[in-house]
Amino acid sequence: MDRDKLIILKVDFEDPKFPGLRFYCRHCVLIEGLLVSFPALAAQLDVERIAWPLPRLEVVKLIGAENQSLPVVILAEDAPGGIETGRYQGHRFVQGKDAILRALSVRYGIPLPHP
């Protein structure tokens, strides 16, 4: 993979466990806001927005069925070591909003979130 790939959920989805309600992923929307706030960051990432239902085949083929939690950044081969939260068949990835925010700061020089 030549560039980091960010996978986030499309907004406005339904969950059959909550009939009649519509949702968005708060962590994915946070990352969407980051992309809007730092357009240079958005230009350096491959961003894929996928549907909510499981299985998320786009994610499974890259980092395995056990790693379908989104958002996720799948790191390019040239990414520095130590920013990943997991590995799967040769792919390093970052999951969890706080880890993603830190990794994007390290990798692309954007500011850190204020504590």
PDB file of N, CA and C in Angstrom:
ATOM      1  N   MET A   1       0.847  -1.168   0.000  1.00  0.00           N
ATOM      2  CA  MET A   1       0.000   0.000   0.000  1.00  0.00           C
ATOM      3  C   MET A   1       0.900   1.241   0.000  1.00  0.00           C
ATOM      4  N   ASP A   2       0.661   2.136  -0.947  1.00  0.00           N
ATOM      5  CA  ASP A   2       1.498   3.322  -1.110  1.00  0.00           C
ATOM      6  C   ASP A   2       1.135   4.464  -0.164  1.00  0.00           C
ATOM      7  N   ARG A   3      -0.133   4.569   0.190  1.00  0.00           N
ATOM      8  CA  ARG A   3      -0.602   5.650   1.070  1.00  0.00           C
ATOM      9  C   ARG A   3      -1.401   5.050   2.208  1.00  0.00           C
ATOM     10  N   ASP A   4      -1.457   5.789   3.309  1.00  0.00           N
ATOM     11  CA  ASP A   4      -2.320   5.366   4.407  1.00  0.00           C
ATOM     12  C   ASP A   4      -3.755   5.383   3.929  1.00  0.00           C
ATOM     13  N   LYS A   5      -4.530   4.434   4.421  1.00  0.00           N
ATOM     14  CA  LYS A   5      -5.945   4.341   4.046  1.00  0.00           C
ATOM     15  C   LYS A   5      -6.791   4.491   5.296  1.00  0.00           C
ATOM     16  N   LEU A   6      -7.658   5.481   5.296  1.00  0.00           N
ATOM     17  CA  LEU A   6      -8.605   5.717   6.379  1.00  0.00           C
ATOM     18  C   LEU A   6      -9.946   5.143   5.965  1.00  0.00           C
ATOM     19  N   ILE A   7     -10.498   4.277   6.796  1.00  0.00           N
ATOM     20  CA  ILE A   7     -11.835   3.730   6.528  1.00  0.00           C
ATOM     21  C   ILE A   7     -12.755   4.206   7.635  1.00  0.00           C
ATOM     22  N   ILE A   8     -13.842   4.856   7.235  1.00  0.00           N
ATOM     23  CA  ILE A   8     -14.837   5.373   8.169  1.00  0.00           C
ATOM     24  C   ILE A   8     -16.222   4.980   7.687  1.00  0.00           C
ATOM     25  N   LEU A   9     -17.173   5.080   8.591  1.00  0.00           N
ATOM     26  CA  LEU A   9     -18.553   4.750   8.252  1.00  0.00           C
ATOM     27  C   LEU A   9     -19.252   5.935   7.593  1.00  0.00           C
ATOM     28  N   LYS A  10     -20.096   5.602   6.613  1.00  0.00           N
ATOM     29  CA  LYS A  10     -20.987   6.612   6.045  1.00  0.00           C
ATOM     30  C   LYS A  10     -21.949   7.050   7.144  1.00  0.00           C
ATOM     31  N   VAL A  11     -22.337   8.310   7.111  1.00  0.00           N
ATOM     32  CA  VAL A  11     -23.278   8.805   8.112  1.00  0.00           C
ATOM     33  C   VAL A  11     -24.706   8.391   7.762  1.00  0.00           C
ATOM     34  N   ASP A  12     -25.563   8.457   8.773  1.00  0.00           N
ATOM     35  CA  ASP A  12     -26.993   8.207   8.602  1.00  0.00           C
ATOM     36  C   ASP A  12     -27.286   6.755   8.249  1.00  0.00           C
ATOM     37  N   PHE A  13     -27.151   5.896   9.268  1.00  0.00           N
ATOM     38  CA  PHE A  13     -27.446   4.484   9.068  1.00  0.00           C
ATOM     39  C   PHE A  13     -28.462   4.020  10.102  1.00  0.00           C
ATOM     40  N   GLU A  14     -29.044   2.866   9.835  1.00  0.00           N
ATOM     41  CA  GLU A  14     -30.000   2.244  10.748  1.00  0.00           C
ATOM     42  C   GLU A  14     -29.354   1.039  11.415  1.00  0.00           C
ATOM     43  N   ASP A  15     -29.804   0.759  12.635  1.00  0.00           N
ATOM     44  CA  ASP A  15     -29.382  -0.429  13.361  1.00  0.00           C
ATOM     45  C   ASP A  15     -30.655  -1.211  13.676  1.00  0.00           C
ATOM     46  N   PRO A  16     -30.771  -2.434  13.171  1.00  0.00           N
ATOM     47  CA  PRO A  16     -31.997  -3.206  13.403  1.00  0.00           C
ATOM     48  C   PRO A  16     -32.352  -3.397  14.881  1.00  0.00           C
ATOM     49  N   LYS A  17     -31.366  -3.225  15.773  1.00  0.00           N
ATOM     50  CA  LYS A  17     -31.632  -3.339  17.206  1.00  0.00           C
ATOM     51  C   LYS A  17     -32.458  -2.160  17.725  1.00  0.00           C
ATOM     52  N   PHE A  18     -32.502  -1.066  16.945  1.00  0.00           N
ATOM     53  CA  PHE A  18     -33.226   0.148  17.339  1.00  0.00           C
ATOM     54  C   PHE A  18     -34.130   0.586  16.189  1.00  0.00           C
ATOM     55  N   PRO A  19     -35.237  -0.135  15.974  1.00  0.00           N
ATOM     56  CA  PRO A  19     -36.104   0.149  14.827  1.00  0.00           C
ATOM     57  C   PRO A  19     -36.584   1.607  14.812  1.00  0.00           C
ATOM     58  N   GLY A  20     -36.583   2.175  13.607  1.00  0.00           N
ATOM     59  CA  GLY A  20     -37.097   3.528  13.417  1.00  0.00           C
ATOM     60  C   GLY A  20     -36.124   4.643  13.756  1.00  0.00           C
ATOM     61  N   LEU A  21     -34.936   4.307  14.242  1.00  0.00           N
ATOM     62  CA  LEU A  21     -33.951   5.332  14.584  1.00  0.00           C
ATOM     63  C   LEU A  21     -32.819   5.338  13.569  1.00  0.00           C
ATOM     64  N   ARG A  22     -32.214   6.504  13.386  1.00  0.00           N
ATOM     65  CA  ARG A  22     -31.079   6.660  12.481  1.00  0.00           C
ATOM     66  C   ARG A  22     -29.877   7.127  13.305  1.00  0.00           C
ATOM     67  N   PHE A  23     -28.688   6.764  12.867  1.00  0.00           N
ATOM     68  CA  PHE A  23     -27.483   7.013  13.653  1.00  0.00           C
ATOM     69  C   PHE A  23     -26.333   7.505  12.793  1.00  0.00           C
ATOM     70  N   TYR A  24     -25.289   7.993  13.487  1.00  0.00           N
ATOM     71  CA  TYR A  24     -23.973   8.226  12.899  1.00  0.00           C
ATOM     72  C   TYR A  24     -22.962   7.751  13.929  1.00  0.00           C
ATOM     73  N   CYS A  25     -21.779   7.422  13.460  1.00  0.00           N
ATOM     74  CA  CYS A  25     -20.685   7.007  14.346  1.00  0.00           C
ATOM     75  C   CYS A  25     -19.983   8.268  14.834  1.00  0.00           C
ATOM     76  N   ARG A  26     -20.007   8.511  16.130  1.00  0.00           N
ATOM     77  CA  ARG A  26     -19.431   9.754  16.658  1.00  0.00           C
ATOM     78  C   ARG A  26     -17.920   9.842  16.427  1.00  0.00           C
ATOM     79  N   HIS A  27     -17.232   8.727  16.438  1.00  0.00           N
ATOM     80  CA  HIS A  27     -15.792   8.764  16.203  1.00  0.00           C
ATOM     81  C   HIS A  27     -15.484   9.010  14.723  1.00  0.00           C
ATOM     82  N   CYS A  28     -16.292   8.452  13.836  1.00  0.00           N
ATOM     83  CA  CYS A  28     -16.100   8.704  12.400  1.00  0.00           C
ATOM     84  C   CYS A  28     -16.407  10.161  12.067  1.00  0.00           C
ATOM     85  N   VAL A  29     -17.430  10.730  12.684  1.00  0.00           N
ATOM     86  CA  VAL A  29     -17.768  12.137  12.442  1.00  0.00           C
ATOM     87  C   VAL A  29     -16.646  13.041  12.974  1.00  0.00           C
ATOM     88  N   LEU A  30     -16.043  12.675  14.086  1.00  0.00           N
ATOM     89  CA  LEU A  30     -14.891  13.419  14.604  1.00  0.00           C
ATOM     90  C   LEU A  30     -13.766  13.435  13.571  1.00  0.00           C
ATOM     91  N   ILE A  31     -13.478  12.289  12.988  1.00  0.00           N
ATOM     92  CA  ILE A  31     -12.421  12.200  11.981  1.00  0.00           C
ATOM     93  C   ILE A  31     -12.819  12.967  10.719  1.00  0.00           C
ATOM     94  N   GLU A  32     -14.095  12.935  10.339  1.00  0.00           N
ATOM     95  CA  GLU A  32     -14.581  13.738   9.199  1.00  0.00           C
ATOM     96  C   GLU A  32     -14.301  15.216   9.448  1.00  0.00           C
ATOM     97  N   GLY A  33     -14.564  15.680  10.667  1.00  0.00           N
ATOM     98  CA  GLY A  33     -14.292  17.070  11.019  1.00  0.00           C
ATOM     99  C   GLY A  33     -12.814  17.402  10.916  1.00  0.00           C
ATOM    100  N   LEU A  34     -11.968  16.471  11.282  1.00  0.00           N
ATOM    101  CA  LEU A  34     -10.524  16.657  11.168  1.00  0.00           C
ATOM    102  C   LEU A  34     -10.118  16.812   9.703  1.00  0.00           C
ATOM    103  N   LEU A  35     -10.715  16.004   8.835  1.00  0.00           N
ATOM    104  CA  LEU A  35     -10.410  16.079   7.408  1.00  0.00           C
ATOM    105  C   LEU A  35     -10.824  17.420   6.812  1.00  0.00           C
ATOM    106  N   VAL A  36     -11.955  17.950   7.267  1.00  0.00           N
ATOM    107  CA  VAL A  36     -12.419  19.250   6.790  1.00  0.00           C
ATOM    108  C   VAL A  36     -11.524  20.359   7.343  1.00  0.00           C
ATOM    109  N   SER A  37     -11.120  20.239   8.588  1.00  0.00           N
ATOM    110  CA  SER A  37     -10.301  21.265   9.234  1.00  0.00           C
ATOM    111  C   SER A  37      -8.871  21.307   8.705  1.00  0.00           C
ATOM    112  N   PHE A  38      -8.377  20.180   8.233  1.00  0.00           N
ATOM    113  CA  PHE A  38      -7.011  20.088   7.718  1.00  0.00           C
ATOM    114  C   PHE A  38      -7.050  19.483   6.317  1.00  0.00           C
ATOM    115  N   PRO A  39      -7.394  20.298   5.310  1.00  0.00           N
ATOM    116  CA  PRO A  39      -7.532  19.771   3.942  1.00  0.00           C
ATOM    117  C   PRO A  39      -6.254  19.123   3.406  1.00  0.00           C
ATOM    118  N   ALA A  40      -5.090  19.602   3.846  1.00  0.00           N
ATOM    119  CA  ALA A  40      -3.833  18.985   3.400  1.00  0.00           C
ATOM    120  C   ALA A  40      -3.742  17.545   3.890  1.00  0.00           C
ATOM    121  N   LEU A  41      -4.250  17.277   5.080  1.00  0.00           N
ATOM    122  CA  LEU A  41      -4.289  15.915   5.607  1.00  0.00           C
ATOM    123  C   LEU A  41      -5.176  15.049   4.721  1.00  0.00           C
ATOM    124  N   ALA A  42      -6.370  15.546   4.420  1.00  0.00           N
ATOM    125  CA  ALA A  42      -7.314  14.790   3.594  1.00  0.00           C
ATOM    126  C   ALA A  42      -6.710  14.443   2.238  1.00  0.00           C
ATOM    127  N   ALA A  43      -5.894  15.342   1.703  1.00  0.00           N
ATOM    128  CA  ALA A  43      -5.287  15.118   0.390  1.00  0.00           C
ATOM    129  C   ALA A  43      -4.193  14.047   0.428  1.00  0.00           C
ATOM    130  N   GLN A  44      -3.671  13.760   1.605  1.00  0.00           N
ATOM    131  CA  GLN A  44      -2.572  12.794   1.726  1.00  0.00           C
ATOM    132  C   GLN A  44      -3.029  11.378   2.052  1.00  0.00           C
ATOM    133  N   LEU A  45      -4.312  11.226   2.379  1.00  0.00           N
ATOM    134  CA  LEU A  45      -4.864   9.924   2.750  1.00  0.00           C
ATOM    135  C   LEU A  45      -5.786   9.399   1.664  1.00  0.00           C
ATOM    136  N   ASP A  46      -5.870   8.086   1.551  1.00  0.00           N
ATOM    137  CA  ASP A  46      -6.955   7.479   0.787  1.00  0.00           C
ATOM    138  C   ASP A  46      -8.088   7.277   1.789  1.00  0.00           C
ATOM    139  N   VAL A  47      -9.230   7.875   1.526  1.00  0.00           N
ATOM    140  CA  VAL A  47     -10.367   7.805   2.455  1.00  0.00           C
ATOM    141  C   VAL A  47     -11.467   6.984   1.803  1.00  0.00           C
ATOM    142  N   GLU A  48     -11.935   5.975   2.536  1.00  0.00           N
ATOM    143  CA  GLU A  48     -13.041   5.151   2.064  1.00  0.00           C
ATOM    144  C   GLU A  48     -14.149   5.203   3.099  1.00  0.00           C
ATOM    145  N   ARG A  49     -15.345   5.561   2.642  1.00  0.00           N
ATOM    146  CA  ARG A  49     -16.534   5.604   3.499  1.00  0.00           C
ATOM    147  C   ARG A  49     -17.394   4.402   3.138  1.00  0.00           C
ATOM    148  N   ILE A  50     -17.655   3.566   4.147  1.00  0.00           N
ATOM    149  CA  ILE A  50     -18.381   2.329   3.881  1.00  0.00           C
ATOM    150  C   ILE A  50     -19.662   2.272   4.702  1.00  0.00           C
ATOM    151  N   ALA A  51     -20.537   1.345   4.324  1.00  0.00           N
ATOM    152  CA  ALA A  51     -21.817   1.156   5.008  1.00  0.00           C
ATOM    153  C   ALA A  51     -21.601   0.511   6.376  1.00  0.00           C
ATOM    154  N   TRP A  52     -22.556   0.732   7.265  1.00  0.00           N
ATOM    155  CA  TRP A  52     -22.469   0.260   8.639  1.00  0.00           C
ATOM    156  C   TRP A  52     -22.549  -1.254   8.834  1.00  0.00           C
ATOM    157  N   PRO A  53     -23.406  -1.976   8.137  1.00  0.00           N
ATOM    158  CA  PRO A  53     -23.624  -3.390   8.518  1.00  0.00           C
ATOM    159  C   PRO A  53     -22.370  -4.256   8.475  1.00  0.00           C
ATOM    160  N   LEU A  54     -22.372  -5.226   9.375  1.00  0.00           N
ATOM    161  CA  LEU A  54     -21.333  -6.254   9.398  1.00  0.00           C
ATOM    162  C   LEU A  54     -21.791  -7.428   8.541  1.00  0.00           C
ATOM    163  N   PRO A  55     -20.910  -8.194   7.950  1.00  0.00           N
ATOM    164  CA  PRO A  55     -19.474  -8.000   7.950  1.00  0.00           C
ATOM    165  C   PRO A  55     -19.085  -6.868   6.998  1.00  0.00           C
ATOM    166  N   ARG A  56     -18.031  -6.185   7.358  1.00  0.00           N
ATOM    167  CA  ARG A  56     -17.504  -5.090   6.541  1.00  0.00           C
ATOM    168  C   ARG A  56     -16.374  -5.678   5.694  1.00  0.00           C
ATOM    169  N   LEU A  57     -16.762  -6.212   4.565  1.00  0.00           N
ATOM    170  CA  LEU A  57     -15.836  -6.996   3.747  1.00  0.00           C
ATOM    171  C   LEU A  57     -14.614  -6.202   3.313  1.00  0.00           C
ATOM    172  N   GLU A  58     -14.787  -4.897   3.105  1.00  0.00           N
ATOM    173  CA  GLU A  58     -13.659  -4.040   2.727  1.00  0.00           C
ATOM    174  C   GLU A  58     -12.578  -4.067   3.808  1.00  0.00           C
ATOM    175  N   VAL A  59     -13.015  -4.140   5.074  1.00  0.00           N
ATOM    176  CA  VAL A  59     -12.099  -4.158   6.212  1.00  0.00           C
ATOM    177  C   VAL A  59     -11.559  -5.569   6.440  1.00  0.00           C
ATOM    178  N   VAL A  60     -12.439  -6.544   6.366  1.00  0.00           N
ATOM    179  CA  VAL A  60     -12.064  -7.939   6.613  1.00  0.00           C
ATOM    180  C   VAL A  60     -10.923  -8.373   5.708  1.00  0.00           C
ATOM    181  N   LYS A  61     -10.982  -8.019   4.425  1.00  0.00           N
ATOM    182  CA  LYS A  61      -9.937  -8.489   3.504  1.00  0.00           C
ATOM    183  C   LYS A  61      -8.579  -7.844   3.787  1.00  0.00           C
ATOM    184  N   LEU A  62      -8.571  -6.682   4.456  1.00  0.00           N
ATOM    185  CA  LEU A  62      -7.308  -6.013   4.766  1.00  0.00           C
ATOM    186  C   LEU A  62      -6.755  -6.364   6.138  1.00  0.00           C
ATOM    187  N   ILE A  63      -7.652  -6.388   7.163  1.00  0.00           N
ATOM    188  CA  ILE A  63      -7.139  -6.571   8.526  1.00  0.00           C
ATOM    189  C   ILE A  63      -7.906  -7.605   9.348  1.00  0.00           C
ATOM    190  N   GLY A  64      -8.729  -8.416   8.694  1.00  0.00           N
ATOM    191  CA  GLY A  64      -9.357  -9.541   9.372  1.00  0.00           C
ATOM    192  C   GLY A  64     -10.704  -9.249  10.002  1.00  0.00           C
ATOM    193  N   ALA A  65     -11.500 -10.286  10.137  1.00  0.00           N
ATOM    194  CA  ALA A  65     -12.858 -10.174  10.667  1.00  0.00           C
ATOM    195  C   ALA A  65     -12.893  -9.677  12.106  1.00  0.00           C
ATOM    196  N   GLU A  66     -11.824  -9.936  12.858  1.00  0.00           N
ATOM    197  CA  GLU A  66     -11.794  -9.518  14.259  1.00  0.00           C
ATOM    198  C   GLU A  66     -11.461  -8.032  14.423  1.00  0.00           C
ATOM    199  N   ASN A  67     -11.193  -7.331  13.333  1.00  0.00           N
ATOM    200  CA  ASN A  67     -10.764  -5.930  13.404  1.00  0.00           C
ATOM    201  C   ASN A  67     -11.691  -5.003  12.613  1.00  0.00           C
ATOM    202  N   GLN A  68     -12.997  -5.215  12.702  1.00  0.00           N
ATOM    203  CA  GLN A  68     -13.952  -4.450  11.916  1.00  0.00           C
ATOM    204  C   GLN A  68     -14.413  -3.158  12.573  1.00  0.00           C
ATOM    205  N   SER A  69     -13.905  -2.849  13.739  1.00  0.00           N
ATOM    206  CA  SER A  69     -14.278  -1.616  14.425  1.00  0.00           C
ATOM    207  C   SER A  69     -13.739  -0.420  13.646  1.00  0.00           C
ATOM    208  N   LEU A  70     -14.589   0.568  13.448  1.00  0.00           N
ATOM    209  CA  LEU A  70     -14.209   1.766  12.691  1.00  0.00           C
ATOM    210  C   LEU A  70     -14.366   2.989  13.564  1.00  0.00           C
ATOM    211  N   PRO A  71     -13.592   4.028  13.280  1.00  0.00           N
ATOM    212  CA  PRO A  71     -12.674   4.230  12.170  1.00  0.00           C
ATOM    213  C   PRO A  71     -11.394   3.426  12.334  1.00  0.00           C
ATOM    214  N   VAL A  72     -10.682   3.273  11.222  1.00  0.00           N
ATOM    215  CA  VAL A  72      -9.388   2.599  11.228  1.00  0.00           C
ATOM    216  C   VAL A  72      -8.498   3.248  10.173  1.00  0.00           C
ATOM    217  N   VAL A  73      -7.211   3.305  10.463  1.00  0.00           N
ATOM    218  CA  VAL A  73      -6.218   3.728   9.481  1.00  0.00           C
ATOM    219  C   VAL A  73      -5.324   2.530   9.216  1.00  0.00           C
ATOM    220  N   ILE A  74      -5.247   2.145   7.957  1.00  0.00           N
ATOM    221  CA  ILE A  74      -4.340   1.081   7.557  1.00  0.00           C
ATOM    222  C   ILE A  74      -3.089   1.776   7.028  1.00  0.00           C
ATOM    223  N   LEU A  75      -1.989   1.498   7.659  1.00  0.00           N
ATOM    224  CA  LEU A  75      -0.757   2.236   7.399  1.00  0.00           C
ATOM    225  C   LEU A  75      -0.032   1.748   6.148  1.00  0.00           C
ATOM    226  N   ALA A  76       0.513   2.697   5.419  1.00  0.00           N
ATOM    227  CA  ALA A  76       1.371   2.385   4.275  1.00  0.00           C
ATOM    228  C   ALA A  76       2.675   1.789   4.797  1.00  0.00           C
ATOM    229  N   GLU A  77       3.410   1.153   3.917  1.00  0.00           N
ATOM    230  CA  GLU A  77       4.653   0.490   4.311  1.00  0.00           C
ATOM    231  C   GLU A  77       5.689   1.458   4.878  1.00  0.00           C
ATOM    232  N   ASP A  78       5.656   2.732   4.443  1.00  0.00           N
ATOM    233  CA  ASP A  78       6.660   3.685   4.908  1.00  0.00           C
ATOM    234  C   ASP A  78       6.299   4.373   6.222  1.00  0.00           C
ATOM    235  N   ALA A  79       5.185   3.999   6.825  1.00  0.00           N
ATOM    236  CA  ALA A  79       4.792   4.604   8.104  1.00  0.00           C
ATOM    237  C   ALA A  79       5.800   4.230   9.183  1.00  0.00           C
ATOM    238  N   PRO A  80       6.087   5.181  10.086  1.00  0.00           N
ATOM    239  CA  PRO A  80       7.040   4.862  11.152  1.00  0.00           C
ATOM    240  C   PRO A  80       6.506   3.771  12.076  1.00  0.00           C
ATOM    241  N   GLY A  81       7.397   3.017  12.641  1.00  0.00           N
ATOM    242  CA  GLY A  81       7.012   1.976  13.586  1.00  0.00           C
ATOM    243  C   GLY A  81       6.545   2.579  14.900  1.00  0.00           C
ATOM    244  N   GLY A  82       5.721   1.833  15.598  1.00  0.00           N
ATOM    245  CA  GLY A  82       5.292   2.240  16.922  1.00  0.00           C
ATOM    246  C   GLY A  82       3.991   3.013  16.982  1.00  0.00           C
ATOM    247  N   ILE A  83       3.425   3.391  15.836  1.00  0.00           N
ATOM    248  CA  ILE A  83       2.142   4.114  15.879  1.00  0.00           C
ATOM    249  C   ILE A  83       0.959   3.174  15.667  1.00  0.00           C
ATOM    250  N   GLU A  84       1.227   1.959  15.257  1.00  0.00           N
ATOM    251  CA  GLU A  84       0.142   1.010  15.003  1.00  0.00           C
ATOM    252  C   GLU A  84      -0.414   0.454  16.317  1.00  0.00           C
ATOM    253  N   THR A  85      -1.681   0.061  16.270  1.00  0.00           N
ATOM    254  CA  THR A  85      -2.293  -0.616  17.415  1.00  0.00           C
ATOM    255  C   THR A  85      -2.483  -2.102  17.138  1.00  0.00           C
ATOM    256  N   GLY A  86      -2.267  -2.505  15.878  1.00  0.00           N
ATOM    257  CA  GLY A  86      -2.420  -3.909  15.528  1.00  0.00           C
ATOM    258  C   GLY A  86      -1.762  -4.241  14.210  1.00  0.00           C
ATOM    259  N   ARG A  87      -1.691  -5.546  13.965  1.00  0.00           N
ATOM    260  CA  ARG A  87      -1.118  -6.075  12.719  1.00  0.00           C
ATOM    261  C   ARG A  87      -1.983  -7.244  12.275  1.00  0.00           C
ATOM    262  N   TYR A  88      -2.063  -7.389  10.961  1.00  0.00           N
ATOM    263  CA  TYR A  88      -2.788  -8.530  10.401  1.00  0.00           C
ATOM    264  C   TYR A  88      -2.181  -8.851   9.044  1.00  0.00           C
ATOM    265  N   GLN A  89      -1.623 -10.024   8.903  1.00  0.00           N
ATOM    266  CA  GLN A  89      -1.060 -10.519   7.651  1.00  0.00           C
ATOM    267  C   GLN A  89      -0.244  -9.454   6.906  1.00  0.00           C
ATOM    268  N   GLY A  90       0.671  -8.854   7.606  1.00  0.00           N
ATOM    269  CA  GLY A  90       1.564  -7.891   6.992  1.00  0.00           C
ATOM    270  C   GLY A  90       1.065  -6.456   6.964  1.00  0.00           C
ATOM    271  N   HIS A  91      -0.190  -6.239   7.318  1.00  0.00           N
ATOM    272  CA  HIS A  91      -0.728  -4.875   7.365  1.00  0.00           C
ATOM    273  C   HIS A  91      -0.697  -4.367   8.800  1.00  0.00           C
ATOM    274  N   ARG A  92      -0.174  -3.164   8.981  1.00  0.00           N
ATOM    275  CA  ARG A  92      -0.242  -2.501  10.289  1.00  0.00           C
ATOM    276  C   ARG A  92      -1.410  -1.524  10.239  1.00  0.00           C
ATOM    277  N   PHE A  93      -2.100  -1.387  11.372  1.00  0.00           N
ATOM    278  CA  PHE A  93      -3.260  -0.510  11.399  1.00  0.00           C
ATOM    279  C   PHE A  93      -3.386   0.184  12.741  1.00  0.00           C
ATOM    280  N   VAL A  94      -4.207   1.241  12.739  1.00  0.00           N
ATOM    281  CA  VAL A  94      -4.464   2.019  13.947  1.00  0.00           C
ATOM    282  C   VAL A  94      -5.975   2.082  14.142  1.00  0.00           C
ATOM    283  N   GLN A  95      -6.435   1.607  15.301  1.00  0.00           N
ATOM    284  CA  GLN A  95      -7.848   1.677  15.664  1.00  0.00           C
ATOM    285  C   GLN A  95      -8.001   2.448  16.960  1.00  0.00           C
ATOM    286  N   GLY A  96      -9.176   3.016  17.146  1.00  0.00           N
ATOM    287  CA  GLY A  96      -9.480   3.792  18.340  1.00  0.00           C
ATOM    288  C   GLY A  96      -9.218   5.261  18.062  1.00  0.00           C
ATOM    289  N   LYS A  97     -10.186   6.102  18.369  1.00  0.00           N
ATOM    290  CA  LYS A  97     -10.085   7.516  17.992  1.00  0.00           C
ATOM    291  C   LYS A  97      -8.841   8.190  18.546  1.00  0.00           C
ATOM    292  N   ASP A  98      -8.500   7.937  19.800  1.00  0.00           N
ATOM    293  CA  ASP A  98      -7.335   8.596  20.396  1.00  0.00           C
ATOM    294  C   ASP A  98      -6.039   8.151  19.720  1.00  0.00           C
ATOM    295  N   ALA A  99      -5.918   6.866  19.452  1.00  0.00           N
ATOM    296  CA  ALA A  99      -4.721   6.352  18.779  1.00  0.00           C
ATOM    297  C   ALA A  99      -4.639   6.889  17.352  1.00  0.00           C
ATOM    298  N   ILE A 100      -5.772   6.999  16.678  1.00  0.00           N
ATOM    299  CA  ILE A 100      -5.790   7.542  15.317  1.00  0.00           C
ATOM    300  C   ILE A 100      -5.376   9.010  15.331  1.00  0.00           C
ATOM    301  N   LEU A 101      -5.907   9.795  16.260  1.00  0.00           N
ATOM    302  CA  LEU A 101      -5.543  11.209  16.337  1.00  0.00           C
ATOM    303  C   LEU A 101      -4.041  11.377  16.586  1.00  0.00           C
ATOM    304  N   ARG A 102      -3.484  10.566  17.490  1.00  0.00           N
ATOM    305  CA  ARG A 102      -2.036  10.617  17.752  1.00  0.00           C
ATOM    306  C   ARG A 102      -1.240  10.216  16.511  1.00  0.00           C
ATOM    307  N   ALA A 103      -1.648   9.138  15.868  1.00  0.00           N
ATOM    308  CA  ALA A 103      -0.922   8.646  14.690  1.00  0.00           C
ATOM    309  C   ALA A 103      -0.957   9.668  13.561  1.00  0.00           C
ATOM    310  N   LEU A 104      -2.091  10.313  13.343  1.00  0.00           N
ATOM    311  CA  LEU A 104      -2.181  11.325  12.284  1.00  0.00           C
ATOM    312  C   LEU A 104      -1.310  12.533  12.603  1.00  0.00           C
ATOM    313  N   SER A 105      -1.220  12.867  13.872  1.00  0.00           N
ATOM    314  CA  SER A 105      -0.348  13.967  14.281  1.00  0.00           C
ATOM    315  C   SER A 105       1.120  13.618  14.021  1.00  0.00           C
ATOM    316  N   VAL A 106       1.533  12.426  14.426  1.00  0.00           N
ATOM    317  CA  VAL A 106       2.913  11.981  14.220  1.00  0.00           C
ATOM    318  C   VAL A 106       3.219  11.883  12.728  1.00  0.00           C
ATOM    319  N   ARG A 107       2.328  11.309  12.001  1.00  0.00           N
ATOM    320  CA  ARG A 107       2.565  10.993  10.582  1.00  0.00           C
ATOM    321  C   ARG A 107       2.480  12.238   9.682  1.00  0.00           C
ATOM    322  N   TYR A 108       1.558  13.161   9.996  1.00  0.00           N
ATOM    323  CA  TYR A 108       1.290  14.264   9.080  1.00  0.00           C
ATOM    324  C   TYR A 108       1.520  15.644   9.682  1.00  0.00           C
ATOM    325  N   GLY A 109       1.921  15.698  10.935  1.00  0.00           N
ATOM    326  CA  GLY A 109       2.281  16.975  11.531  1.00  0.00           C
ATOM    327  C   GLY A 109       1.119  17.871  11.900  1.00  0.00           C
ATOM    328  N   ILE A 110      -0.095  17.328  11.957  1.00  0.00           N
ATOM    329  CA  ILE A 110      -1.216  18.155  12.418  1.00  0.00           C
ATOM    330  C   ILE A 110      -1.119  18.307  13.938  1.00  0.00           C
ATOM    331  N   PRO A 111      -1.742  19.343  14.493  1.00  0.00           N
ATOM    332  CA  PRO A 111      -1.675  19.515  15.935  1.00  0.00           C
ATOM    333  C   PRO A 111      -2.311  18.351  16.690  1.00  0.00           C
ATOM    334  N   LEU A 112      -1.918  18.211  17.917  1.00  0.00           N
ATOM    335  CA  LEU A 112      -2.544  17.233  18.825  1.00  0.00           C
ATOM    336  C   LEU A 112      -3.859  17.785  19.344  1.00  0.00           C
ATOM    337  N   PRO A 113      -4.812  16.908  19.677  1.00  0.00           N
ATOM    338  CA  PRO A 113      -6.022  17.416  20.331  1.00  0.00           C
ATOM    339  C   PRO A 113      -5.677  17.921  21.732  1.00  0.00           C
ATOM    340  N   HIS A 114      -6.348  18.962  22.151  1.00  0.00           N
ATOM    341  CA  HIS A 114      -6.114  19.507  23.489  1.00  0.00           C
ATOM    342  C   HIS A 114      -6.633  18.521  24.524  1.00  0.00           C
ATOM    343  N   PRO A 115      -5.860  18.298  25.590  1.00  0.00           N
ATOM    344  CA  PRO A 115      -6.316  17.373  26.623  1.00  0.00           C
ATOM    345  C   PRO A 115      -7.455  17.975  27.366  1.00  0.00           C
TER     346      PRO A 115
END
